[in-house]
Amino acid sequence: MNSAFAKVSNLKVNRISKIAIILASSTFFLYALVQAPIFKNLLAGAFSCSG
């Protein structure tokens, strides 16, 4: 019974840490994209062409 509870709690911790890692990496990736001049030029071009 005790080992089953340990497995369940371990799974929850793994899931939470996976979500945290995904959030952190995606946030860093988005930040890097915004900082990239190529992305800024594409964004400026897209908005200027739409008008």
PDB file of N, CA and C in Angstrom:
ATOM      1  N   MET A   1       0.833  -1.200   0.000  1.00  0.00           N
ATOM      2  CA  MET A   1       0.000   0.000   0.000  1.00  0.00           C
ATOM      3  C   MET A   1       0.875   1.261   0.000  1.00  0.00           C
ATOM      4  N   ASN A   2       1.921   1.215   0.777  1.00  0.00           N
ATOM      5  CA  ASN A   2       2.797   2.376   0.887  1.00  0.00           C
ATOM      6  C   ASN A   2       3.533   2.636  -0.432  1.00  0.00           C
ATOM      7  N   SER A   3       3.973   1.580  -1.100  1.00  0.00           N
ATOM      8  CA  SER A   3       4.700   1.745  -2.352  1.00  0.00           C
ATOM      9  C   SER A   3       3.787   2.304  -3.447  1.00  0.00           C
ATOM     10  N   ALA A   4       2.507   1.886  -3.418  1.00  0.00           N
ATOM     11  CA  ALA A   4       1.559   2.405  -4.407  1.00  0.00           C
ATOM     12  C   ALA A   4       1.381   3.908  -4.217  1.00  0.00           C
ATOM     13  N   PHE A   5       1.272   4.347  -2.970  1.00  0.00           N
ATOM     14  CA  PHE A   5       1.124   5.780  -2.692  1.00  0.00           C
ATOM     15  C   PHE A   5       2.371   6.543  -3.134  1.00  0.00           C
ATOM     16  N   ALA A   6       3.529   5.937  -2.918  1.00  0.00           N
ATOM     17  CA  ALA A   6       4.779   6.577  -3.332  1.00  0.00           C
ATOM     18  C   ALA A   6       4.838   6.719  -4.849  1.00  0.00           C
ATOM     19  N   LYS A   7       4.386   5.699  -5.556  1.00  0.00           N
ATOM     20  CA  LYS A   7       4.383   5.770  -7.021  1.00  0.00           C
ATOM     21  C   LYS A   7       3.465   6.886  -7.503  1.00  0.00           C
ATOM     22  N   VAL A   8       2.271   6.990  -6.903  1.00  0.00           N
ATOM     23  CA  VAL A   8       1.315   8.022  -7.326  1.00  0.00           C
ATOM     24  C   VAL A   8       1.883   9.411  -7.064  1.00  0.00           C
ATOM     25  N   SER A   9       2.459   9.624  -5.886  1.00  0.00           N
ATOM     26  CA  SER A   9       3.012  10.940  -5.568  1.00  0.00           C
ATOM     27  C   SER A   9       4.197  11.254  -6.472  1.00  0.00           C
ATOM     28  N   ASN A  10       4.974  10.232  -6.818  1.00  0.00           N
ATOM     29  CA  ASN A  10       6.116  10.427  -7.710  1.00  0.00           C
ATOM     30  C   ASN A  10       5.641  10.817  -9.106  1.00  0.00           C
ATOM     31  N   LEU A  11       4.563  10.195  -9.581  1.00  0.00           N
ATOM     32  CA  LEU A  11       4.009  10.540 -10.883  1.00  0.00           C
ATOM     33  C   LEU A  11       3.536  11.986 -10.899  1.00  0.00           C
ATOM     34  N   LYS A  12       2.884  12.413  -9.814  1.00  0.00           N
ATOM     35  CA  LYS A  12       2.411  13.796  -9.754  1.00  0.00           C
ATOM     36  C   LYS A  12       3.580  14.764  -9.811  1.00  0.00           C
ATOM     37  N   VAL A  13       4.644  14.455  -9.075  1.00  0.00           N
ATOM     38  CA  VAL A  13       5.820  15.327  -9.078  1.00  0.00           C
ATOM     39  C   VAL A  13       6.434  15.367 -10.470  1.00  0.00           C
ATOM     40  N   ASN A  14       6.523  14.211 -11.123  1.00  0.00           N
ATOM     41  CA  ASN A  14       7.084  14.174 -12.470  1.00  0.00           C
ATOM     42  C   ASN A  14       6.250  15.004 -13.438  1.00  0.00           C
ATOM     43  N   ARG A  15       4.932  14.897 -13.331  1.00  0.00           N
ATOM     44  CA  ARG A  15       4.053  15.647 -14.228  1.00  0.00           C
ATOM     45  C   ARG A  15       4.215  17.145 -13.993  1.00  0.00           C
ATOM     46  N   ILE A  16       4.273  17.542 -12.718  1.00  0.00           N
ATOM     47  CA  ILE A  16       4.421  18.964 -12.398  1.00  0.00           C
ATOM     48  C   ILE A  16       5.766  19.488 -12.898  1.00  0.00           C
ATOM     49  N   SER A  17       6.812  18.710 -12.717  1.00  0.00           N
ATOM     50  CA  SER A  17       8.131  19.165 -13.160  1.00  0.00           C
ATOM     51  C   SER A  17       8.190  19.227 -14.684  1.00  0.00           C
ATOM     52  N   LYS A  18       7.531  18.285 -15.366  1.00  0.00           N
ATOM     53  CA  LYS A  18       7.482  18.337 -16.828  1.00  0.00           C
ATOM     54  C   LYS A  18       6.782  19.600 -17.296  1.00  0.00           C
ATOM     55  N   ILE A  19       5.644  19.911 -16.664  1.00  0.00           N
ATOM     56  CA  ILE A  19       4.896  21.121 -17.035  1.00  0.00           C
ATOM     57  C   ILE A  19       5.748  22.360 -16.781  1.00  0.00           C
ATOM     58  N   ALA A  20       6.459  22.377 -15.655  1.00  0.00           N
ATOM     59  CA  ALA A  20       7.308  23.527 -15.326  1.00  0.00           C
ATOM     60  C   ALA A  20       8.430  23.682 -16.347  1.00  0.00           C
ATOM     61  N   ILE A  21       9.036  22.565 -16.742  1.00  0.00           N
ATOM     62  CA  ILE A  21      10.122  22.620 -17.731  1.00  0.00           C
ATOM     63  C   ILE A  21       9.593  23.107 -19.077  1.00  0.00           C
ATOM     64  N   ILE A  22       8.416  22.602 -19.480  1.00  0.00           N
ATOM     65  CA  ILE A  22       7.821  23.015 -20.754  1.00  0.00           C
ATOM     66  C   ILE A  22       7.503  24.511 -20.733  1.00  0.00           C
ATOM     67  N   LEU A  23       6.915  24.967 -19.627  1.00  0.00           N
ATOM     68  CA  LEU A  23       6.590  26.394 -19.514  1.00  0.00           C
ATOM     69  C   LEU A  23       7.845  27.249 -19.580  1.00  0.00           C
ATOM     70  N   ALA A  24       8.869  26.850 -18.862  1.00  0.00           N
ATOM     71  CA  ALA A  24      10.102  27.640 -18.829  1.00  0.00           C
ATOM     72  C   ALA A  24      10.764  27.676 -20.207  1.00  0.00           C
ATOM     73  N   SER A  25      10.827  26.521 -20.873  1.00  0.00           N
ATOM     74  CA  SER A  25      11.490  26.476 -22.172  1.00  0.00           C
ATOM     75  C   SER A  25      10.697  27.246 -23.231  1.00  0.00           C
ATOM     76  N   SER A  26       9.361  27.137 -23.185  1.00  0.00           N
ATOM     77  CA  SER A  26       8.559  27.857 -24.171  1.00  0.00           C
ATOM     78  C   SER A  26       8.637  29.358 -23.926  1.00  0.00           C
ATOM     79  N   THR A  27       8.682  29.766 -22.662  1.00  0.00           N
ATOM     80  CA  THR A  27       8.815  31.197 -22.356  1.00  0.00           C
ATOM     81  C   THR A  27      10.149  31.719 -22.865  1.00  0.00           C
ATOM     82  N   PHE A  28      11.217  30.951 -22.633  1.00  0.00           N
ATOM     83  CA  PHE A  28      12.541  31.363 -23.111  1.00  0.00           C
ATOM     84  C   PHE A  28      12.580  31.397 -24.637  1.00  0.00           C
ATOM     85  N   PHE A  29      11.930  30.412 -25.283  1.00  0.00           N
ATOM     86  CA  PHE A  29      11.907  30.363 -26.742  1.00  0.00           C
ATOM     87  C   PHE A  29      11.175  31.573 -27.314  1.00  0.00           C
ATOM     88  N   LEU A  30      10.025  31.911 -26.714  1.00  0.00           N
ATOM     89  CA  LEU A  30       9.276  33.078 -27.174  1.00  0.00           C
ATOM     90  C   LEU A  30      10.089  34.352 -26.969  1.00  0.00           C
ATOM     91  N   TYR A  31      10.774  34.460 -25.825  1.00  0.00           N
ATOM     92  CA  TYR A  31      11.598  35.636 -25.554  1.00  0.00           C
ATOM     93  C   TYR A  31      12.723  35.750 -26.587  1.00  0.00           C
ATOM     94  N   ALA A  32      13.343  34.614 -26.924  1.00  0.00           N
ATOM     95  CA  ALA A  32      14.416  34.623 -27.916  1.00  0.00           C
ATOM     96  C   ALA A  32      13.875  35.012 -29.290  1.00  0.00           C
ATOM     97  N   LEU A  33      12.668  34.539 -29.616  1.00  0.00           N
ATOM     98  CA  LEU A  33      12.058  34.900 -30.894  1.00  0.00           C
ATOM     99  C   LEU A  33      11.807  36.398 -30.971  1.00  0.00           C
ATOM    100  N   VAL A  34      11.280  36.964 -29.902  1.00  0.00           N
ATOM    101  CA  VAL A  34      10.978  38.392 -29.900  1.00  0.00           C
ATOM    102  C   VAL A  34      12.257  39.211 -30.003  1.00  0.00           C
ATOM    103  N   GLN A  35      13.330  38.725 -29.388  1.00  0.00           N
ATOM    104  CA  GLN A  35      14.590  39.451 -29.430  1.00  0.00           C
ATOM    105  C   GLN A  35      15.274  39.337 -30.791  1.00  0.00           C
ATOM    106  N   ALA A  36      14.923  38.311 -31.565  1.00  0.00           N
ATOM    107  CA  ALA A  36      15.584  38.099 -32.848  1.00  0.00           C
ATOM    108  C   ALA A  36      15.178  39.184 -33.852  1.00  0.00           C
ATOM    109  N   PRO A  37      16.142  39.822 -34.520  1.00  0.00           N
ATOM    110  CA  PRO A  37      15.804  40.882 -35.479  1.00  0.00           C
ATOM    111  C   PRO A  37      15.038  40.363 -36.689  1.00  0.00           C
ATOM    112  N   ILE A  38      15.268  39.102 -37.066  1.00  0.00           N
ATOM    113  CA  ILE A  38      14.548  38.533 -38.210  1.00  0.00           C
ATOM    114  C   ILE A  38      13.052  38.506 -37.909  1.00  0.00           C
ATOM    115  N   PHE A  39      12.719  38.075 -36.693  1.00  0.00           N
ATOM    116  CA  PHE A  39      11.310  37.997 -36.311  1.00  0.00           C
ATOM    117  C   PHE A  39      10.697  39.388 -36.267  1.00  0.00           C
ATOM    118  N   LYS A  40      11.451  40.373 -35.784  1.00  0.00           N
ATOM    119  CA  LYS A  40      10.941  41.752 -35.737  1.00  0.00           C
ATOM    120  C   LYS A  40      10.671  42.259 -37.150  1.00  0.00           C
ATOM    121  N   ASN A  41      11.568  41.959 -38.089  1.00  0.00           N
ATOM    122  CA  ASN A  41      11.373  42.397 -39.472  1.00  0.00           C
ATOM    123  C   ASN A  41      10.158  41.733 -40.090  1.00  0.00           C
ATOM    124  N   LEU A  42       9.982  40.426 -39.832  1.00  0.00           N
ATOM    125  CA  LEU A  42       8.808  39.724 -40.357  1.00  0.00           C
ATOM    126  C   LEU A  42       7.529  40.322 -39.798  1.00  0.00           C
ATOM    127  N   LEU A  43       7.536  40.596 -38.500  1.00  0.00           N
ATOM    128  CA  LEU A  43       6.365  41.157 -37.857  1.00  0.00           C
ATOM    129  C   LEU A  43       6.049  42.539 -38.415  1.00  0.00           C
ATOM    130  N   ALA A  44       7.064  43.373 -38.586  1.00  0.00           N
ATOM    131  CA  ALA A  44       6.874  44.707 -39.129  1.00  0.00           C
ATOM    132  C   ALA A  44       6.370  44.628 -40.569  1.00  0.00           C
ATOM    133  N   GLY A  45       6.926  43.698 -41.340  1.00  0.00           N
ATOM    134  CA  GLY A  45       6.498  43.532 -42.717  1.00  0.00           C
ATOM    135  C   GLY A  45       5.066  43.052 -42.808  1.00  0.00           C
ATOM    136  N   ALA A  46       4.673  42.161 -41.937  1.00  0.00           N
ATOM    137  CA  ALA A  46       3.314  41.633 -41.961  1.00  0.00           C
ATOM    138  C   ALA A  46       2.315  42.732 -41.622  1.00  0.00           C
ATOM    139  N   PHE A  47       2.645  43.562 -40.642  1.00  0.00           N
ATOM    140  CA  PHE A  47       1.702  44.613 -40.254  1.00  0.00           C
ATOM    141  C   PHE A  47       1.682  45.744 -41.278  1.00  0.00           C
ATOM    142  N   SER A  48       2.808  46.018 -41.895  1.00  0.00           N
ATOM    143  CA  SER A  48       2.841  47.122 -42.862  1.00  0.00           C
ATOM    144  C   SER A  48       2.138  46.707 -44.156  1.00  0.00           C
ATOM    145  N   CYS A  49       2.227  45.429 -44.527  1.00  0.00           N
ATOM    146  CA  CYS A  49       1.589  44.971 -45.753  1.00  0.00           C
ATOM    147  C   CYS A  49       0.071  44.884 -45.597  1.00  0.00           C
ATOM    148  N   SER A  50      -0.401  44.610 -44.373  1.00  0.00           N
ATOM    149  CA  SER A  50      -1.828  44.412 -44.184  1.00  0.00           C
ATOM    150  C   SER A  50      -2.580  45.734 -44.352  1.00  0.00           C
ATOM    151  N   GLY A  51      -1.911  46.849 -44.080  1.00  0.00           N
ATOM    152  CA  GLY A  51      -2.566  48.142 -44.176  1.00  0.00           C
ATOM    153  C   GLY A  51      -2.633  48.571 -45.603  1.00  0.00           C
TER     154      GLY A  51
END
